[in-house]
């Protein structure tokens, strides 16, 4: 069972510091309302914390078979 995070960009990156833009691009978020699924790791959690005012994150666990 691998846990994933569903991350959605809900605020624009226009006028934000370059560091925030690089974090968002690193997560694969380039446009408003785009959603990506990322592994739940401490590195990803830190990236989400850095731009928490711009994104919405939800936990999602895989229960497939």
PDB file of N, CA and C in Angstrom:
ATOM      1  N   UNK A   1       0.824  -1.181   0.000  1.00  0.00           N
ATOM      2  CA  UNK A   1       0.000   0.000   0.000  1.00  0.00           C
ATOM      3  C   UNK A   1       0.872   1.250   0.000  1.00  0.00           C
ATOM      4  N   UNK A   2       0.841   1.997  -1.065  1.00  0.00           N
ATOM      5  CA  UNK A   2       1.629   3.223  -1.082  1.00  0.00           C
ATOM      6  C   UNK A   2       0.688   4.419  -0.946  1.00  0.00           C
ATOM      7  N   UNK A   3       1.015   5.292  -0.039  1.00  0.00           N
ATOM      8  CA  UNK A   3       0.176   6.467   0.172  1.00  0.00           C
ATOM      9  C   UNK A   3       0.584   7.557  -0.801  1.00  0.00           C
ATOM     10  N   UNK A   4      -0.423   8.255  -1.292  1.00  0.00           N
ATOM     11  CA  UNK A   4      -0.175   9.342  -2.224  1.00  0.00           C
ATOM     12  C   UNK A   4      -0.877  10.589  -1.723  1.00  0.00           C
ATOM     13  N   UNK A   5      -0.437  11.715  -2.243  1.00  0.00           N
ATOM     14  CA  UNK A   5      -1.072  12.996  -1.947  1.00  0.00           C
ATOM     15  C   UNK A   5      -1.617  13.563  -3.240  1.00  0.00           C
ATOM     16  N   UNK A   6      -2.816  14.073  -3.179  1.00  0.00           N
ATOM     17  CA  UNK A   6      -3.437  14.723  -4.316  1.00  0.00           C
ATOM     18  C   UNK A   6      -3.288  16.223  -4.087  1.00  0.00           C
ATOM     19  N   UNK A   7      -2.517  16.902  -4.932  1.00  0.00           N
ATOM     20  CA  UNK A   7      -2.197  18.318  -4.745  1.00  0.00           C
ATOM     21  C   UNK A   7      -2.767  19.116  -5.911  1.00  0.00           C
ATOM     22  N   UNK A   8      -3.511  20.192  -5.592  1.00  0.00           N
ATOM     23  CA  UNK A   8      -4.149  21.033  -6.602  1.00  0.00           C
ATOM     24  C   UNK A   8      -3.694  22.476  -6.413  1.00  0.00           C
ATOM     25  N   UNK A   9      -3.326  23.131  -7.505  1.00  0.00           N
ATOM     26  CA  UNK A   9      -2.954  24.549  -7.467  1.00  0.00           C
ATOM     27  C   UNK A   9      -4.237  25.375  -7.479  1.00  0.00           C
ATOM     28  N   UNK A  10      -4.495  26.115  -6.386  1.00  0.00           N
ATOM     29  CA  UNK A  10      -5.740  26.878  -6.291  1.00  0.00           C
ATOM     30  C   UNK A  10      -5.537  28.385  -6.357  1.00  0.00           C
ATOM     31  N   UNK A  11      -4.293  28.843  -6.219  1.00  0.00           N
ATOM     32  CA  UNK A  11      -3.992  30.274  -6.329  1.00  0.00           C
ATOM     33  C   UNK A  11      -2.891  30.453  -7.368  1.00  0.00           C
ATOM     34  N   UNK A  12      -2.922  31.576  -8.059  1.00  0.00           N
ATOM     35  CA  UNK A  12      -1.963  31.834  -9.126  1.00  0.00           C
ATOM     36  C   UNK A  12      -0.561  32.064  -8.572  1.00  0.00           C
ATOM     37  N   UNK A  13       0.437  31.732  -9.391  1.00  0.00           N
ATOM     38  CA  UNK A  13       1.822  31.995  -8.984  1.00  0.00           C
ATOM     39  C   UNK A  13       2.321  33.343  -9.493  1.00  0.00           C
ATOM     40  N   UNK A  14       1.456  34.121 -10.115  1.00  0.00           N
ATOM     41  CA  UNK A  14       1.827  35.457 -10.580  1.00  0.00           C
ATOM     42  C   UNK A  14       2.134  36.344  -9.382  1.00  0.00           C
ATOM     43  N   UNK A  15       3.270  37.006  -9.418  1.00  0.00           N
ATOM     44  CA  UNK A  15       3.669  37.909  -8.346  1.00  0.00           C
ATOM     45  C   UNK A  15       4.268  37.221  -7.140  1.00  0.00           C
ATOM     46  N   UNK A  16       4.489  35.917  -7.218  1.00  0.00           N
ATOM     47  CA  UNK A  16       5.079  35.165  -6.107  1.00  0.00           C
ATOM     48  C   UNK A  16       6.591  35.125  -6.269  1.00  0.00           C
ATOM     49  N   UNK A  17       7.313  34.915  -5.165  1.00  0.00           N
ATOM     50  CA  UNK A  17       8.777  34.817  -5.266  1.00  0.00           C
ATOM     51  C   UNK A  17       9.210  33.651  -6.162  1.00  0.00           C
ATOM     52  N   UNK A  18      10.362  33.794  -6.766  1.00  0.00           N
ATOM     53  CA  UNK A  18      10.879  32.768  -7.677  1.00  0.00           C
ATOM     54  C   UNK A  18      11.028  31.417  -6.973  1.00  0.00           C
ATOM     55  N   UNK A  19      11.368  31.436  -5.693  1.00  0.00           N
ATOM     56  CA  UNK A  19      11.513  30.190  -4.946  1.00  0.00           C
ATOM     57  C   UNK A  19      10.183  29.425  -4.912  1.00  0.00           C
ATOM     58  N   UNK A  20       9.080  30.113  -4.702  1.00  0.00           N
ATOM     59  CA  UNK A  20       7.764  29.461  -4.696  1.00  0.00           C
ATOM     60  C   UNK A  20       7.430  28.908  -6.075  1.00  0.00           C
ATOM     61  N   UNK A  21       7.764  29.651  -7.124  1.00  0.00           N
ATOM     62  CA  UNK A  21       7.496  29.193  -8.486  1.00  0.00           C
ATOM     63  C   UNK A  21       8.273  27.924  -8.798  1.00  0.00           C
ATOM     64  N   UNK A  22       9.526  27.871  -8.355  1.00  0.00           N
ATOM     65  CA  UNK A  22      10.348  26.681  -8.602  1.00  0.00           C
ATOM     66  C   UNK A  22       9.792  25.468  -7.866  1.00  0.00           C
ATOM     67  N   UNK A  23       9.301  25.671  -6.655  1.00  0.00           N
ATOM     68  CA  UNK A  23       8.710  24.572  -5.891  1.00  0.00           C
ATOM     69  C   UNK A  23       7.474  24.044  -6.615  1.00  0.00           C
ATOM     70  N   UNK A  24       6.617  24.953  -7.088  1.00  0.00           N
ATOM     71  CA  UNK A  24       5.404  24.538  -7.799  1.00  0.00           C
ATOM     72  C   UNK A  24       5.734  23.793  -9.083  1.00  0.00           C
ATOM     73  N   UNK A  25       6.706  24.300  -9.841  1.00  0.00           N
ATOM     74  CA  UNK A  25       7.109  23.622 -11.076  1.00  0.00           C
ATOM     75  C   UNK A  25       7.715  22.258 -10.769  1.00  0.00           C
ATOM     76  N   UNK A  26       8.455  22.161  -9.680  1.00  0.00           N
ATOM     77  CA  UNK A  26       9.054  20.889  -9.273  1.00  0.00           C
ATOM     78  C   UNK A  26       8.013  19.840  -8.936  1.00  0.00           C
ATOM     79  N   UNK A  27       6.864  20.285  -8.445  1.00  0.00           N
ATOM     80  CA  UNK A  27       5.764  19.358  -8.149  1.00  0.00           C
ATOM     81  C   UNK A  27       4.927  19.065  -9.391  1.00  0.00           C
ATOM     82  N   UNK A  28       5.171  19.788 -10.490  1.00  0.00           N
ATOM     83  CA  UNK A  28       4.432  19.553 -11.722  1.00  0.00           C
ATOM     84  C   UNK A  28       3.187  20.407 -11.859  1.00  0.00           C
ATOM     85  N   UNK A  29       3.087  21.443 -11.028  1.00  0.00           N
ATOM     86  CA  UNK A  29       1.927  22.332 -11.084  1.00  0.00           C
ATOM     87  C   UNK A  29       2.280  23.569 -11.899  1.00  0.00           C
ATOM     88  N   UNK A  30       1.683  23.676 -13.088  1.00  0.00           N
ATOM     89  CA  UNK A  30       2.012  24.780 -13.974  1.00  0.00           C
ATOM     90  C   UNK A  30       0.826  25.686 -14.259  1.00  0.00           C
ATOM     91  N   UNK A  31      -0.385  25.175 -14.097  1.00  0.00           N
ATOM     92  CA  UNK A  31      -1.582  25.955 -14.400  1.00  0.00           C
ATOM     93  C   UNK A  31      -2.560  25.896 -13.228  1.00  0.00           C
ATOM     94  N   UNK A  32      -3.443  26.874 -13.157  1.00  0.00           N
ATOM     95  CA  UNK A  32      -4.467  26.915 -12.119  1.00  0.00           C
ATOM     96  C   UNK A  32      -5.371  25.685 -12.221  1.00  0.00           C
ATOM     97  N   UNK A  33      -5.789  25.174 -11.089  1.00  0.00           N
ATOM     98  CA  UNK A  33      -6.696  24.033 -10.962  1.00  0.00           C
ATOM     99  C   UNK A  33      -6.134  22.724 -11.502  1.00  0.00           C
ATOM    100  N   UNK A  34      -4.831  22.669 -11.748  1.00  0.00           N
ATOM    101  CA  UNK A  34      -4.205  21.422 -12.166  1.00  0.00           C
ATOM    102  C   UNK A  34      -3.965  20.566 -10.925  1.00  0.00           C
ATOM    103  N   UNK A  35      -4.237  19.269 -11.037  1.00  0.00           N
ATOM    104  CA  UNK A  35      -4.066  18.339  -9.928  1.00  0.00           C
ATOM    105  C   UNK A  35      -3.032  17.289 -10.296  1.00  0.00           C
ATOM    106  N   UNK A  36      -2.132  17.002  -9.353  1.00  0.00           N
ATOM    107  CA  UNK A  36      -1.136  15.954  -9.542  1.00  0.00           C
ATOM    108  C   UNK A  36      -1.164  15.027  -8.326  1.00  0.00           C
ATOM    109  N   UNK A  37      -0.777  13.782  -8.539  1.00  0.00           N
ATOM    110  CA  UNK A  37      -0.661  12.824  -7.441  1.00  0.00           C
ATOM    111  C   UNK A  37       0.824  12.572  -7.200  1.00  0.00           C
ATOM    112  N   UNK A  38       1.251  12.790  -5.964  1.00  0.00           N
ATOM    113  CA  UNK A  38       2.655  12.648  -5.601  1.00  0.00           C
ATOM    114  C   UNK A  38       2.788  11.668  -4.450  1.00  0.00           C
ATOM    115  N   UNK A  39       3.963  11.028  -4.351  1.00  0.00           N
ATOM    116  CA  UNK A  39       4.229  10.118  -3.240  1.00  0.00           C
ATOM    117  C   UNK A  39       4.262  10.901  -1.932  1.00  0.00           C
ATOM    118  N   UNK A  40       3.841  10.280  -0.862  1.00  0.00           N
ATOM    119  CA  UNK A  40       3.833  10.920   0.447  1.00  0.00           C
ATOM    120  C   UNK A  40       5.197  10.717   1.109  1.00  0.00           C
ATOM    121  N   UNK A  41       6.120  11.648   0.829  1.00  0.00           N
ATOM    122  CA  UNK A  41       7.464  11.599   1.398  1.00  0.00           C
ATOM    123  C   UNK A  41       7.735  12.887   2.165  1.00  0.00           C
ATOM    124  N   UNK A  42       8.714  12.883   3.052  1.00  0.00           N
ATOM    125  CA  UNK A  42       9.037  14.113   3.779  1.00  0.00           C
ATOM    126  C   UNK A  42       9.428  15.273   2.856  1.00  0.00           C
ATOM    127  N   UNK A  43      10.086  14.981   1.742  1.00  0.00           N
ATOM    128  CA  UNK A  43      10.484  16.034   0.804  1.00  0.00           C
ATOM    129  C   UNK A  43       9.263  16.701   0.181  1.00  0.00           C
ATOM    130  N   UNK A  44       8.302  15.895  -0.237  1.00  0.00           N
ATOM    131  CA  UNK A  44       7.079  16.437  -0.840  1.00  0.00           C
ATOM    132  C   UNK A  44       6.282  17.198   0.209  1.00  0.00           C
ATOM    133  N   UNK A  45       6.216  16.661   1.430  1.00  0.00           N
ATOM    134  CA  UNK A  45       5.513  17.362   2.513  1.00  0.00           C
ATOM    135  C   UNK A  45       6.129  18.745   2.759  1.00  0.00           C
ATOM    136  N   UNK A  46       7.452  18.841   2.692  1.00  0.00           N
ATOM    137  CA  UNK A  46       8.125  20.125   2.873  1.00  0.00           C
ATOM    138  C   UNK A  46       7.803  21.097   1.754  1.00  0.00           C
ATOM    139  N   UNK A  47       7.726  20.582   0.519  1.00  0.00           N
ATOM    140  CA  UNK A  47       7.372  21.438  -0.614  1.00  0.00           C
ATOM    141  C   UNK A  47       5.952  21.972  -0.457  1.00  0.00           C
ATOM    142  N   UNK A  48       5.038  21.110  -0.018  1.00  0.00           N
ATOM    143  CA  UNK A  48       3.651  21.539   0.185  1.00  0.00           C
ATOM    144  C   UNK A  48       3.582  22.577   1.295  1.00  0.00           C
ATOM    145  N   UNK A  49       4.354  22.385   2.339  1.00  0.00           N
ATOM    146  CA  UNK A  49       4.365  23.356   3.443  1.00  0.00           C
ATOM    147  C   UNK A  49       4.862  24.726   2.979  1.00  0.00           C
ATOM    148  N   UNK A  50       5.847  24.730   2.084  1.00  0.00           N
ATOM    149  CA  UNK A  50       6.408  25.989   1.574  1.00  0.00           C
ATOM    150  C   UNK A  50       5.363  26.805   0.820  1.00  0.00           C
ATOM    151  N   UNK A  51       4.512  26.144   0.045  1.00  0.00           N
ATOM    152  CA  UNK A  51       3.515  26.845  -0.774  1.00  0.00           C
ATOM    153  C   UNK A  51       2.090  26.498  -0.336  1.00  0.00           C
ATOM    154  N   UNK A  52       1.906  26.264   0.955  1.00  0.00           N
ATOM    155  CA  UNK A  52       0.604  25.829   1.462  1.00  0.00           C
ATOM    156  C   UNK A  52      -0.507  26.844   1.204  1.00  0.00           C
ATOM    157  N   UNK A  53      -0.155  28.114   1.062  1.00  0.00           N
ATOM    158  CA  UNK A  53      -1.153  29.155   0.805  1.00  0.00           C
ATOM    159  C   UNK A  53      -1.593  29.185  -0.658  1.00  0.00           C
ATOM    160  N   UNK A  54      -0.934  28.397  -1.517  1.00  0.00           N
ATOM    161  CA  UNK A  54      -1.262  28.368  -2.941  1.00  0.00           C
ATOM    162  C   UNK A  54      -1.886  27.048  -3.387  1.00  0.00           C
ATOM    163  N   UNK A  55      -1.783  26.014  -2.573  1.00  0.00           N
ATOM    164  CA  UNK A  55      -2.245  24.695  -2.987  1.00  0.00           C
ATOM    165  C   UNK A  55      -3.238  24.103  -1.985  1.00  0.00           C
ATOM    166  N   UNK A  56      -3.952  23.076  -2.463  1.00  0.00           N
ATOM    167  CA  UNK A  56      -4.825  22.271  -1.606  1.00  0.00           C
ATOM    168  C   UNK A  56      -4.311  20.845  -1.699  1.00  0.00           C
ATOM    169  N   UNK A  57      -4.044  20.224  -0.558  1.00  0.00           N
ATOM    170  CA  UNK A  57      -3.501  18.867  -0.541  1.00  0.00           C
ATOM    171  C   UNK A  57      -4.456  17.940   0.190  1.00  0.00           C
ATOM    172  N   UNK A  58      -4.647  16.736  -0.375  1.00  0.00           N
ATOM    173  CA  UNK A  58      -5.500  15.716   0.236  1.00  0.00           C
ATOM    174  C   UNK A  58      -4.735  14.405   0.255  1.00  0.00           C
ATOM    175  N   UNK A  59      -4.894  13.657   1.334  1.00  0.00           N
ATOM    176  CA  UNK A  59      -4.270  12.340   1.403  1.00  0.00           C
ATOM    177  C   UNK A  59      -5.130  11.337   0.653  1.00  0.00           C
ATOM    178  N   UNK A  60      -4.479  10.383   0.019  1.00  0.00           N
ATOM    179  CA  UNK A  60      -5.188   9.359  -0.736  1.00  0.00           C
ATOM    180  C   UNK A  60      -4.397   8.070  -0.601  1.00  0.00           C
ATOM    181  N   UNK A  61      -5.048   6.997  -0.180  1.00  0.00           N
ATOM    182  CA  UNK A  61      -4.355   5.712  -0.088  1.00  0.00           C
ATOM    183  C   UNK A  61      -4.872   4.779  -1.178  1.00  0.00           C
ATOM    184  N   UNK A  62      -3.987   3.988  -1.757  1.00  0.00           N
ATOM    185  CA  UNK A  62      -4.371   3.048  -2.807  1.00  0.00           C
ATOM    186  C   UNK A  62      -4.959   1.789  -2.186  1.00  0.00           C
ATOM    187  N   UNK A  63      -6.211   1.534  -2.489  1.00  0.00           N
ATOM    188  CA  UNK A  63      -6.866   0.318  -2.024  1.00  0.00           C
ATOM    189  C   UNK A  63      -7.348  -0.467  -3.236  1.00  0.00           C
ATOM    190  N   UNK A  64      -6.436  -0.762  -4.119  1.00  0.00           N
ATOM    191  CA  UNK A  64      -6.800  -1.387  -5.397  1.00  0.00           C
ATOM    192  C   UNK A  64      -6.589  -2.898  -5.365  1.00  0.00           C
ATOM    193  N   UNK A  65      -7.374  -3.577  -6.103  1.00  0.00           N
ATOM    194  CA  UNK A  65      -7.269  -5.009  -6.429  1.00  0.00           C
ATOM    195  C   UNK A  65      -8.489  -5.428  -7.167  1.00  0.00           C
TER     196      UNK A  65
END
